[in-house]
Amino acid sequence: MHPISLFRPLRSTPAVAALTAFALLVTLAGCSSSEPSSEAASTQSVGTTEYPLALDTPYGSTTLEEAPERVVAIGDLDDALALGVIPVGSFKPAGDADELYDYEQDALEKAKSTSPVDKIDKLFDPYADLDYEAIAALDPDVILAASYWDLEKSYDTLSEIAPVVALPEGADSGWENRHEIVAKALDREQQGKDNIAAVEDAFASAREENPEFADLTLNYAVVYPTQVTYMSVPDTEASWFFTQLGFQPGPEHGKFGKEYPKDVVSEEQTSLLDADIVVIGYHSLLEDGQREKFEDSSLFQSLPAVKNGTYIPLPEGHDSSIPQPGVLSSLDDLNAVLPLLEETAQKAS
């Protein structure tokens, strides 16, 4: 299947709409706040946040005295770039990639017209311990950690370096709320609202043009180096992508839970993955032969979805972004995966 291009306008599809929404979104995020284009004037709003801004978290509070210029993103790169802000430091993409994904690089280029800085000076390994000295050396005005998974352990040290943006105690942990919190801290509140609306509109368009999705079950799992994780637990971020498209989880989804070890699919439980459509992501850190071992196993091969041709292996890189949705990644995922779902749904219906 050839990649979808903006220069193929003959047929409007939800996937093309998603790519168009992505292109418009990063363009708006990159429009100058002092001289906005007529297209962006109604949406780009900088200067509405009232400072000093208290940043409350479950682990303590810090205060952001003014709109930040030097930003370090500990897991929130997607949010920053979608808002037209280039961080001076950030986690590199998940897996073994040493550079940004293409959609992140596109957003970074667009953001250069409005961001106080024009490049990321330091990319950190997301799987290594935080390098506090390197973070401090970047002299950040603020640290974005709203999606960082180990903040409880690192908050005290990070908060000594700079104010820390994270989810308040008891806050909704969905990507939409996280994006709004980051947008407020970065003085881009209206842009944050517009970004969320762009994603919601793209998924609504996909649902409307594929009503058959609502009649199909779909199970999604990711094969990691040490385990297979079930991702279709209802009401979780990991299941958000496919739920937003209208799919229902497979009939045995109740056998799994939200957290380890209840989300682990043992070899003996492989049959529980069956649904009208089975989607499997393969993590980039798998050793040679691990994917083949999983796919070639007799238990996996015996799944009706595999036999019927309704098994979808995710394109490379999307195994990490779909379970952790963001503004930019969700539109990129939609553009890449929706055509596969549309084709497979025809076989499953």
Protein backbone atom coordinates (compact mmCIF):
# COMPACT_ATOMS: atom_id res chain seq x y z
CA MET A 1 0.00 0.00 0.00
CA HIS A 2 1.44 3.37 -1.03
CA PRO A 3 1.65 6.18 1.53
CA ILE A 4 -1.12 8.75 1.34
CA SER A 5 -0.06 12.10 -0.08
CA LEU A 6 -1.56 15.55 0.20
CA PHE A 7 -1.01 15.82 -3.54
CA ARG A 8 -3.56 13.13 -4.38
CA PRO A 9 -6.78 15.19 -4.11
CA LEU A 10 -9.07 13.13 -6.31
CA ARG A 11 -10.74 11.24 -3.46
CA SER A 12 -11.33 12.62 0.01
CA THR A 13 -10.96 9.88 2.62
CA PRO A 14 -10.75 10.02 6.41
CA ALA A 15 -7.06 9.15 6.15
CA VAL A 16 -6.44 12.04 3.78
CA ALA A 17 -8.47 14.25 6.11
CA ALA A 18 -6.25 13.17 8.99
CA LEU A 19 -3.11 14.07 7.09
CA THR A 20 -4.62 17.38 6.05
CA ALA A 21 -5.57 18.10 9.66
CA PHE A 22 -2.03 17.29 10.71
CA ALA A 23 -0.54 19.60 8.09
CA LEU A 24 -2.89 22.44 9.08
CA LEU A 25 -2.29 21.84 12.77
CA VAL A 26 1.49 22.14 12.57
CA THR A 27 1.12 25.16 10.28
CA LEU A 28 -1.10 26.93 12.81
CA ALA A 29 1.24 26.01 15.64
CA GLY A 30 4.09 27.54 13.67
CA CYS A 31 2.37 30.79 12.77
CA SER A 32 3.92 33.88 14.29
CA SER A 33 1.99 35.12 17.29
CA SER A 34 2.99 38.73 16.59
CA GLU A 35 1.96 38.62 12.92
CA PRO A 36 -0.48 35.74 12.50
CA SER A 37 -1.63 34.75 9.04
CA SER A 38 -5.28 35.39 8.22
CA GLU A 39 -5.82 31.60 8.31
CA ALA A 40 -4.47 31.33 11.83
CA ALA A 41 -5.52 34.66 13.30
CA SER A 42 -8.69 33.31 14.85
CA THR A 43 -7.02 30.33 16.49
CA GLN A 44 -3.52 31.35 17.52
CA SER A 45 -3.62 32.98 20.93
CA VAL A 46 -0.55 33.72 23.00
CA GLY A 47 -0.64 35.75 26.18
CA THR A 48 -3.78 34.56 27.97
CA THR A 49 -2.12 32.69 30.84
CA GLU A 50 -1.88 34.68 34.05
CA TYR A 51 1.51 34.45 35.74
CA PRO A 52 2.76 33.66 38.32
CA LEU A 53 1.20 30.24 37.67
CA ALA A 54 1.04 27.64 40.43
CA LEU A 55 1.98 24.16 39.21
CA ASP A 56 0.43 21.63 41.57
CA THR A 57 1.31 17.94 41.42
CA PRO A 58 0.76 14.96 43.75
CA TYR A 59 4.39 15.33 44.84
CA GLY A 60 4.62 19.05 45.51
CA SER A 61 4.09 22.47 43.99
CA THR A 62 6.25 24.94 42.11
CA THR A 63 5.54 28.34 40.60
CA LEU A 64 6.15 29.48 37.05
CA GLU A 65 6.84 33.20 37.28
CA GLU A 66 6.50 34.07 33.59
CA ALA A 67 5.98 32.53 30.17
CA PRO A 68 8.84 30.08 29.69
CA GLU A 69 11.28 30.21 26.81
CA ARG A 70 13.66 27.35 27.56
CA VAL A 71 11.65 24.15 27.91
CA VAL A 72 12.73 20.60 28.72
CA ALA A 73 10.16 17.96 27.77
CA ILE A 74 10.37 14.76 29.80
CA GLY A 75 7.87 12.76 27.76
CA ASP A 76 5.80 15.70 26.47
CA LEU A 77 7.57 16.45 23.19
CA ASP A 78 4.38 15.88 21.19
CA ASP A 79 2.51 18.45 23.28
CA ALA A 80 5.25 21.06 22.98
CA LEU A 81 5.71 20.75 19.23
CA ALA A 82 1.96 20.73 18.59
CA LEU A 83 1.85 24.05 20.43
CA GLY A 84 4.64 25.52 18.33
CA VAL A 85 7.28 25.30 21.06
CA ILE A 86 10.65 23.63 20.50
CA PRO A 87 12.18 22.29 23.72
CA VAL A 88 15.90 22.62 24.37
CA GLY A 89 15.88 19.04 25.66
CA SER A 90 13.58 16.06 25.24
CA PHE A 91 13.33 12.30 25.28
CA LYS A 92 14.22 10.79 21.94
CA PRO A 93 11.61 8.60 20.25
CA ALA A 94 10.86 5.28 21.90
CA GLY A 95 12.96 2.33 20.81
CA ASP A 96 16.38 2.62 19.23
CA ALA A 97 15.75 5.65 17.01
CA ASP A 98 18.33 8.41 17.41
CA GLU A 99 16.35 11.07 15.57
CA LEU A 100 12.84 12.43 15.68
CA TYR A 101 10.06 10.73 13.77
CA ASP A 102 9.24 12.40 10.46
CA TYR A 103 6.03 13.96 11.76
CA GLU A 104 7.89 15.37 14.77
CA GLN A 105 10.58 16.83 12.52
CA ASP A 106 7.90 18.41 10.32
CA ALA A 107 6.29 20.00 13.37
CA LEU A 108 9.67 21.21 14.61
CA GLU A 109 10.40 22.94 11.31
CA LYS A 110 6.99 24.65 11.40
CA ALA A 111 7.54 25.75 14.99
CA LYS A 112 10.77 27.60 14.25
CA SER A 113 8.83 30.75 13.36
CA THR A 114 7.33 31.10 16.85
CA SER A 115 9.46 29.10 19.25
CA PRO A 116 11.97 31.02 21.40
CA VAL A 117 14.57 28.40 20.41
CA ASP A 118 15.02 26.79 17.01
CA LYS A 119 16.51 23.39 17.81
CA ILE A 120 16.62 20.62 20.38
CA ASP A 121 20.05 20.70 21.96
CA LYS A 122 19.83 17.38 23.80
CA LEU A 123 17.87 14.15 23.26
CA PHE A 124 17.69 11.85 26.28
CA ASP A 125 17.29 8.08 26.29
CA PRO A 126 13.75 7.38 27.63
CA TYR A 127 14.86 4.01 29.00
CA ALA A 128 17.83 5.32 30.99
CA ASP A 129 17.83 7.03 34.38
CA LEU A 130 17.26 10.76 34.13
CA ASP A 131 20.48 12.70 33.65
CA TYR A 132 19.81 15.50 36.11
CA GLU A 133 23.13 17.24 35.46
CA ALA A 134 22.48 17.35 31.73
CA ILE A 135 18.95 18.66 32.30
CA ALA A 136 20.25 21.38 34.62
CA ALA A 137 22.95 22.32 32.11
CA LEU A 138 20.21 23.18 29.62
CA ASP A 139 19.10 25.93 32.03
CA PRO A 140 15.36 25.29 31.58
CA ASP A 141 12.65 27.74 32.61
CA VAL A 142 10.21 24.85 32.96
CA ILE A 143 10.20 21.06 32.80
CA LEU A 144 7.23 19.34 31.12
CA ALA A 145 6.58 16.00 32.82
CA ALA A 146 2.82 15.55 32.50
CA SER A 147 3.24 12.14 30.87
CA TYR A 148 6.41 11.02 32.62
CA TRP A 149 5.88 7.62 34.24
CA ASP A 150 8.40 7.88 37.09
CA LEU A 151 7.81 11.40 38.37
CA GLU A 152 7.25 10.35 41.98
CA LYS A 153 10.89 9.31 42.25
CA SER A 154 12.35 12.25 40.35
CA TYR A 155 10.08 15.17 41.26
CA ASP A 156 12.13 16.57 44.15
CA THR A 157 15.31 16.72 42.10
CA LEU A 158 13.61 18.07 38.98
CA SER A 159 11.78 20.77 40.94
CA GLU A 160 15.13 22.04 42.24
CA ILE A 161 16.19 22.60 38.64
CA ALA A 162 13.02 24.33 37.36
CA PRO A 163 9.24 24.45 37.88
CA VAL A 164 7.64 21.15 36.89
CA VAL A 165 4.43 20.77 34.87
CA ALA A 166 2.54 17.57 35.73
CA LEU A 167 -1.00 16.38 36.34
CA PRO A 168 -2.51 17.60 39.62
CA GLU A 169 -3.71 15.11 42.22
CA GLY A 170 -6.78 13.25 40.96
CA ALA A 171 -6.74 14.92 37.55
CA ASP A 172 -8.02 13.23 34.42
CA SER A 173 -4.99 11.48 32.93
CA GLY A 174 -6.26 11.51 29.35
CA TRP A 175 -4.11 13.08 26.66
CA GLU A 176 -6.62 15.90 26.15
CA ASN A 177 -6.34 17.14 29.73
CA ARG A 178 -2.57 16.76 29.66
CA HIS A 179 -2.38 18.85 26.51
CA GLU A 180 -4.52 21.60 28.03
CA ILE A 181 -2.32 21.71 31.14
CA VAL A 182 0.84 21.96 29.05
CA ALA A 183 -0.75 24.58 26.79
CA LYS A 184 -1.62 26.77 29.76
CA ALA A 185 1.89 26.55 31.17
CA LEU A 186 3.37 27.51 27.79
CA ASP A 187 0.93 30.41 27.29
CA ARG A 188 -0.78 28.68 24.35
CA GLU A 189 -4.22 27.92 25.76
CA GLN A 190 -6.28 28.59 22.63
CA GLN A 191 -3.84 26.69 20.44
CA GLY A 192 -4.24 23.73 22.79
CA LYS A 193 -8.02 23.79 22.43
CA ASP A 194 -7.73 24.04 18.64
CA ASN A 195 -5.32 21.11 18.55
CA ILE A 196 -7.68 18.87 20.51
CA ALA A 197 -10.58 19.85 18.25
CA ALA A 198 -8.52 18.98 15.16
CA VAL A 199 -7.86 15.47 16.46
CA GLU A 200 -11.47 14.94 17.51
CA ASP A 201 -12.72 16.09 14.10
CA ALA A 202 -10.36 13.73 12.26
CA PHE A 203 -11.52 10.71 14.26
CA ALA A 204 -15.18 11.73 13.94
CA SER A 205 -14.75 11.86 10.16
CA ALA A 206 -13.20 8.39 10.17
CA ARG A 207 -16.09 6.98 12.22
CA GLU A 208 -18.73 8.56 10.02
CA GLU A 209 -17.20 7.22 6.82
CA ASN A 210 -16.67 3.74 8.26
CA PRO A 211 -19.88 2.89 10.15
CA GLU A 212 -19.08 -0.83 9.81
CA PHE A 213 -16.34 -0.40 12.44
CA ALA A 214 -19.01 -0.17 15.15
CA ASP A 215 -20.20 -3.69 14.34
CA LEU A 216 -16.74 -5.24 14.64
CA THR A 217 -14.63 -6.36 17.58
CA LEU A 218 -10.92 -5.60 17.66
CA ASN A 219 -8.18 -6.76 19.99
CA TYR A 220 -4.88 -4.93 20.15
CA ALA A 221 -1.67 -6.15 21.79
CA VAL A 222 2.01 -5.25 21.69
CA VAL A 223 4.86 -7.75 21.69
CA TYR A 224 7.68 -6.42 23.88
CA PRO A 225 11.06 -8.08 24.45
CA THR A 226 9.91 -9.66 27.72
CA GLN A 227 6.12 -9.95 27.43
CA VAL A 228 3.01 -9.54 25.31
CA THR A 229 0.76 -6.76 26.63
CA TYR A 230 -3.00 -6.59 26.03
CA MET A 231 -3.98 -3.02 25.12
CA SER A 232 -7.73 -3.21 24.52
CA VAL A 233 -8.80 -2.79 28.15
CA PRO A 234 -11.77 -0.36 28.02
CA ASP A 235 -11.37 3.19 29.33
CA THR A 236 -7.59 3.30 29.03
CA GLU A 237 -5.32 5.47 26.91
CA ALA A 238 -3.95 2.33 25.30
CA SER A 239 -7.39 1.47 23.89
CA TRP A 240 -8.35 5.05 22.99
CA PHE A 241 -7.27 4.98 19.34
CA PHE A 242 -9.40 2.03 18.26
CA THR A 243 -12.32 2.92 20.55
CA GLN A 244 -12.48 6.38 18.96
CA LEU A 245 -12.86 4.71 15.58
CA GLY A 246 -15.89 2.78 16.83
CA PHE A 247 -14.45 -0.69 17.42
CA GLN A 248 -15.43 -2.79 20.43
CA PRO A 249 -12.89 -4.92 22.33
CA GLY A 250 -12.82 -8.66 21.74
CA PRO A 251 -15.20 -10.97 23.63
CA GLU A 252 -12.54 -12.06 26.14
CA HIS A 253 -11.29 -8.58 27.04
CA GLY A 254 -12.61 -8.98 30.58
CA LYS A 255 -9.90 -11.57 31.26
CA PHE A 256 -7.31 -8.77 31.27
CA GLY A 257 -6.76 -5.73 33.48
CA LYS A 258 -5.30 -2.25 33.26
CA GLU A 259 -2.04 -2.85 35.09
CA TYR A 260 0.76 -5.37 35.26
CA PRO A 261 0.50 -8.34 35.58
CA LYS A 262 -3.19 -8.38 34.62
CA ASP A 263 -2.39 -6.93 31.20
CA VAL A 264 0.11 -9.66 30.30
CA VAL A 265 -0.92 -12.21 27.68
CA SER A 266 0.73 -15.51 28.53
CA GLU A 267 1.44 -17.99 25.77
CA GLU A 268 -1.45 -20.11 27.00
CA GLN A 269 -3.78 -17.10 26.70
CA THR A 270 -3.02 -16.42 23.04
CA SER A 271 -6.46 -17.69 22.04
CA LEU A 272 -8.04 -14.88 24.10
CA LEU A 273 -6.69 -12.37 21.59
CA ASP A 274 -9.16 -13.45 18.94
CA ALA A 275 -11.64 -10.90 17.61
CA ASP A 276 -13.02 -9.89 14.23
CA ILE A 277 -9.77 -7.98 13.76
CA VAL A 278 -6.52 -8.63 15.64
CA VAL A 279 -3.90 -5.86 15.65
CA ILE A 280 -0.39 -6.58 16.92
CA GLY A 281 2.41 -4.08 17.40
CA TYR A 282 6.02 -5.21 17.52
CA HIS A 283 8.33 -3.16 19.71
CA SER A 284 11.48 -1.81 18.11
CA LEU A 285 13.73 -3.36 20.76
CA LEU A 286 12.74 -6.93 19.94
CA GLU A 287 15.64 -9.23 19.27
CA ASP A 288 16.05 -10.83 15.87
CA GLY A 289 13.55 -13.62 15.46
CA GLN A 290 11.21 -12.63 18.31
CA ARG A 291 8.48 -11.37 16.00
CA GLU A 292 8.75 -14.45 13.80
CA LYS A 293 8.60 -16.73 16.83
CA PHE A 294 5.36 -15.09 17.96
CA GLU A 295 3.74 -15.01 14.53
CA ASP A 296 4.75 -18.56 13.67
CA SER A 297 3.56 -20.12 16.91
CA SER A 298 0.81 -22.69 16.48
CA LEU A 299 -1.41 -20.89 19.01
CA PHE A 300 -1.24 -17.61 17.11
CA GLN A 301 -1.64 -19.28 13.73
CA SER A 302 -4.77 -21.02 15.01
CA LEU A 303 -6.58 -17.72 15.68
CA PRO A 304 -9.57 -17.36 13.31
CA ALA A 305 -8.50 -13.78 12.58
CA VAL A 306 -5.13 -15.01 11.36
CA LYS A 307 -6.71 -17.75 9.26
CA ASN A 308 -9.27 -15.32 7.81
CA GLY A 309 -6.76 -12.64 6.90
CA THR A 310 -8.00 -10.09 9.44
CA TYR A 311 -4.74 -9.86 11.39
CA ILE A 312 -2.92 -6.52 11.07
CA PRO A 313 0.73 -6.12 12.07
CA LEU A 314 1.21 -2.43 12.86
CA PRO A 315 3.67 -0.44 10.74
CA GLU A 316 6.99 0.16 12.47
CA GLY A 317 6.97 2.85 15.15
CA HIS A 318 3.23 2.92 15.76
CA ASP A 319 3.45 0.28 18.50
CA SER A 320 4.73 3.00 20.85
CA SER A 321 2.55 5.93 19.83
CA ILE A 322 -0.90 4.32 19.69
CA PRO A 323 -0.92 3.25 23.38
CA GLN A 324 0.22 6.76 24.39
CA PRO A 325 -1.85 9.12 22.23
CA GLY A 326 -0.89 12.70 21.61
CA VAL A 327 -1.99 15.46 19.27
CA LEU A 328 0.59 14.92 16.54
CA SER A 329 1.08 11.19 16.98
CA SER A 330 -2.65 10.41 16.85
CA LEU A 331 -3.05 12.11 13.48
CA ASP A 332 0.07 10.40 12.17
CA ASP A 333 -1.20 7.05 13.48
CA LEU A 334 -4.59 7.63 11.88
CA ASN A 335 -3.03 8.39 8.52
CA ALA A 336 -0.89 5.23 8.65
CA VAL A 337 -3.31 2.73 10.17
CA LEU A 338 -6.77 3.75 8.96
CA PRO A 339 -6.28 2.43 5.40
CA LEU A 340 -5.25 -0.94 6.84
CA LEU A 341 -8.34 -1.02 9.05
CA GLU A 342 -10.65 -0.08 6.18
CA GLU A 343 -9.23 -2.84 3.98
CA THR A 344 -9.37 -5.43 6.76
CA ALA A 345 -12.88 -4.47 7.87
CA GLN A 346 -14.16 -5.38 4.41
CA LYS A 347 -12.89 -8.92 4.95
CA ALA A 348 -14.30 -9.11 8.48
CA SER A 349 -17.76 -7.74 7.74
